[in-house]
């Protein structure tokens, strides 16, 4: 698949290169998503200003469950595959859990109650763009008000990422994982 917008090629402006060097592990070339956004330094910097992969109010595992579910629900195999390759092993998401995030639901036996609520949150936001009072109250058992804000922003950010990767038709990264085949 050819992307609808060609990525920028090096050399990048100094501040863009510095940001890419901070984001990517040593020896790993920048993601196609990043080099596509690097075409416009303003958009590139705004995109990275909105990222939430720093140490915040959520654990890395909580963040990854949300990112995987949102990108799966949005059909962004590109972004899901990057996170499945890089982060799923770090947060011990099993193949069963990765399958569930793409094809299952919060009731799957592989999730504990707090993780089920995270998946319910993603599904509610995807379907209705809001969270009902019951789910909100349940989520507040596990999350502070600031964590709740972060969850909402994280889900919205990765919906935006999914829009970008899908609409631009970015080809999967060579190391990226594919969605698991449905049963």
Protein backbone atom coordinates (compact mmCIF):
# COMPACT_ATOMS: atom_id res chain seq x y z
CA UNK A 1 0.00 0.00 0.00
CA UNK A 2 1.28 3.45 -0.90
CA UNK A 3 0.57 6.23 1.58
CA UNK A 4 -1.60 9.06 0.30
CA UNK A 5 0.97 11.57 1.58
CA UNK A 6 4.64 10.77 1.16
CA UNK A 7 6.74 10.95 4.31
CA UNK A 8 9.50 13.53 4.59
CA UNK A 9 13.05 12.33 4.05
CA UNK A 10 16.16 13.26 6.03
CA UNK A 11 17.79 15.56 6.66
CA UNK A 12 15.11 16.92 8.99
CA UNK A 13 15.16 20.34 10.62
CA UNK A 14 17.34 20.31 13.73
CA UNK A 15 14.46 20.46 16.24
CA UNK A 16 12.54 17.73 14.38
CA UNK A 17 15.61 15.48 14.32
CA UNK A 18 16.17 16.10 18.03
CA UNK A 19 12.57 15.10 18.77
CA UNK A 20 12.89 11.96 16.66
CA UNK A 21 16.12 11.05 18.47
CA UNK A 22 14.34 11.41 21.84
CA UNK A 23 11.33 9.34 20.79
CA UNK A 24 12.88 6.43 18.91
CA UNK A 25 15.08 3.76 20.48
CA UNK A 26 18.72 3.91 19.34
CA UNK A 27 19.22 2.34 15.93
CA UNK A 28 15.48 2.23 15.11
CA UNK A 29 14.46 4.48 12.22
CA UNK A 30 11.58 6.88 12.85
CA UNK A 31 8.06 5.57 12.27
CA UNK A 32 6.40 6.45 8.98
CA UNK A 33 3.72 8.29 10.94
CA UNK A 34 6.39 10.54 12.44
CA UNK A 35 8.17 11.22 9.15
CA UNK A 36 4.83 11.97 7.49
CA UNK A 37 4.07 14.57 10.14
CA UNK A 38 7.65 15.87 9.84
CA UNK A 39 6.65 17.35 6.47
CA UNK A 40 5.24 20.26 8.49
CA UNK A 41 7.29 21.28 11.55
CA UNK A 42 4.27 23.02 13.13
CA UNK A 43 2.04 19.94 12.88
CA UNK A 44 4.90 17.70 13.98
CA UNK A 45 5.52 19.72 17.14
CA UNK A 46 1.80 19.99 17.94
CA UNK A 47 1.36 16.25 17.55
CA UNK A 48 4.15 15.47 19.99
CA UNK A 49 2.96 18.13 22.42
CA UNK A 50 -0.26 16.09 22.79
CA UNK A 51 1.39 12.74 23.51
CA UNK A 52 0.74 11.03 26.83
CA UNK A 53 3.38 8.32 27.01
CA UNK A 54 5.24 10.06 29.82
CA UNK A 55 4.94 9.08 33.48
CA UNK A 56 1.52 10.37 34.39
CA UNK A 57 -1.41 9.17 36.45
CA UNK A 58 -1.66 5.77 34.74
CA UNK A 59 0.57 2.75 34.67
CA UNK A 60 2.15 1.82 31.36
CA UNK A 61 -0.09 -1.28 31.28
CA UNK A 62 -3.23 0.82 31.76
CA UNK A 63 -2.14 3.18 29.00
CA UNK A 64 -1.40 0.30 26.65
CA UNK A 65 -4.76 -1.38 27.25
CA UNK A 66 -6.48 1.90 26.32
CA UNK A 67 -4.23 2.51 23.30
CA UNK A 68 -4.65 -1.04 22.00
CA UNK A 69 -8.43 -0.99 22.44
CA UNK A 70 -8.95 2.45 20.90
CA UNK A 71 -6.74 1.74 17.89
CA UNK A 72 -8.35 -1.68 17.40
CA UNK A 73 -11.88 -0.25 17.57
CA UNK A 74 -10.83 2.41 15.05
CA UNK A 75 -9.31 -0.22 12.74
CA UNK A 76 -5.81 1.28 12.92
CA UNK A 77 -3.73 -1.83 12.37
CA UNK A 78 -0.71 0.41 11.80
CA UNK A 79 -0.77 1.98 15.29
CA UNK A 80 -2.04 -1.14 17.05
CA UNK A 81 0.79 -3.12 15.43
CA UNK A 82 3.47 -0.67 16.57
CA UNK A 83 2.24 -0.81 20.15
CA UNK A 84 1.77 -4.59 20.04
CA UNK A 85 5.38 -4.98 18.89
CA UNK A 86 7.04 -2.44 21.21
CA UNK A 87 4.91 -2.18 24.32
CA UNK A 88 2.78 -5.33 24.70
CA UNK A 89 5.77 -7.42 25.82
CA UNK A 90 6.86 -4.72 28.29
CA UNK A 91 3.45 -4.69 29.98
CA UNK A 92 2.91 -8.44 29.67
CA UNK A 93 -0.13 -8.32 27.40
CA UNK A 94 -0.59 -11.94 26.38
CA UNK A 95 -1.62 -13.13 22.92
CA UNK A 96 -5.04 -13.92 24.42
CA UNK A 97 -5.35 -10.35 25.68
CA UNK A 98 -4.17 -8.87 22.38
CA UNK A 99 -6.77 -10.99 20.60
CA UNK A 100 -9.42 -9.80 23.05
CA UNK A 101 -8.51 -6.15 22.51
CA UNK A 102 -9.16 -6.58 18.78
CA UNK A 103 -11.99 -9.12 18.64
CA UNK A 104 -13.31 -9.56 22.17
CA UNK A 105 -14.95 -7.49 24.85
CA UNK A 106 -14.55 -6.49 28.46
CA UNK A 107 -16.21 -9.69 29.64
CA UNK A 108 -13.41 -11.90 28.34
CA UNK A 109 -11.89 -14.03 31.12
CA UNK A 110 -8.37 -12.71 30.51
CA UNK A 111 -9.12 -9.36 32.21
CA UNK A 112 -9.37 -8.42 35.86
CA UNK A 113 -12.15 -6.05 36.98
CA UNK A 114 -10.18 -2.77 36.72
CA UNK A 115 -8.96 -3.72 33.22
CA UNK A 116 -12.51 -4.65 32.21
CA UNK A 117 -13.59 -1.14 33.17
CA UNK A 118 -10.84 0.39 31.02
CA UNK A 119 -12.10 -1.59 28.02
CA UNK A 120 -15.67 -0.56 28.83
CA UNK A 121 -14.51 3.06 28.90
CA UNK A 122 -12.91 2.75 25.46
CA UNK A 123 -16.00 1.08 24.05
CA UNK A 124 -18.35 3.69 25.53
CA UNK A 125 -16.26 6.57 24.18
CA UNK A 126 -16.02 4.91 20.78
CA UNK A 127 -19.76 4.27 20.56
CA UNK A 128 -21.30 7.27 22.33
CA UNK A 129 -18.46 9.77 22.90
CA UNK A 130 -19.37 9.92 26.58
CA UNK A 131 -19.32 7.88 29.79
CA UNK A 132 -22.50 7.09 31.70
CA UNK A 133 -22.78 7.69 35.44
CA UNK A 134 -22.50 4.01 36.38
CA UNK A 135 -19.26 3.42 34.49
CA UNK A 136 -17.85 6.73 35.71
CA UNK A 137 -18.49 5.74 39.31
CA UNK A 138 -16.92 2.32 38.74
CA UNK A 139 -13.82 3.85 37.14
CA UNK A 140 -13.43 6.29 40.03
CA UNK A 141 -12.87 3.30 42.34
CA UNK A 142 -9.54 2.75 40.56
CA UNK A 143 -8.64 6.23 39.26
CA UNK A 144 -8.25 9.74 40.64
CA UNK A 145 -9.92 12.69 38.95
CA UNK A 146 -6.61 13.55 37.25
CA UNK A 147 -6.25 9.96 36.03
CA UNK A 148 -9.79 10.15 34.65
CA UNK A 149 -8.87 13.25 32.67
CA UNK A 150 -5.76 11.48 31.39
CA UNK A 151 -7.79 8.43 30.33
CA UNK A 152 -10.18 10.62 28.35
CA UNK A 153 -7.35 12.55 26.71
CA UNK A 154 -5.42 9.36 25.93
CA UNK A 155 -8.42 7.74 24.25
CA UNK A 156 -9.09 10.89 22.22
CA UNK A 157 -5.45 11.27 21.22
CA UNK A 158 -5.27 7.71 19.88
CA UNK A 159 -8.55 8.14 18.05
CA UNK A 160 -6.86 11.08 16.31
CA UNK A 161 -3.78 8.93 15.63
CA UNK A 162 -6.09 6.29 14.15
CA UNK A 163 -7.72 8.88 11.89
CA UNK A 164 -4.27 9.90 10.64
CA UNK A 165 -2.91 6.41 10.05
CA UNK A 166 -6.11 5.17 8.39
CA UNK A 167 -6.86 8.18 6.20
CA UNK A 168 -3.26 8.60 5.03
CA UNK A 169 -3.18 4.80 4.48
CA UNK A 170 0.18 4.31 6.12
CA UNK A 171 1.73 0.95 5.30
CA UNK A 172 2.44 -1.24 8.31
CA UNK A 173 5.89 -0.88 9.82
CA UNK A 174 8.12 -3.87 9.00
CA UNK A 175 8.32 -4.84 12.68
CA UNK A 176 4.66 -4.08 13.41
CA UNK A 177 2.27 -6.84 14.33
CA UNK A 178 -0.85 -7.59 12.37
CA UNK A 179 -4.28 -7.81 13.94
CA UNK A 180 -4.82 -11.41 15.05
CA UNK A 181 -7.00 -13.42 12.71
CA UNK A 182 -10.58 -13.77 13.92
CA UNK A 183 -11.67 -17.24 14.91
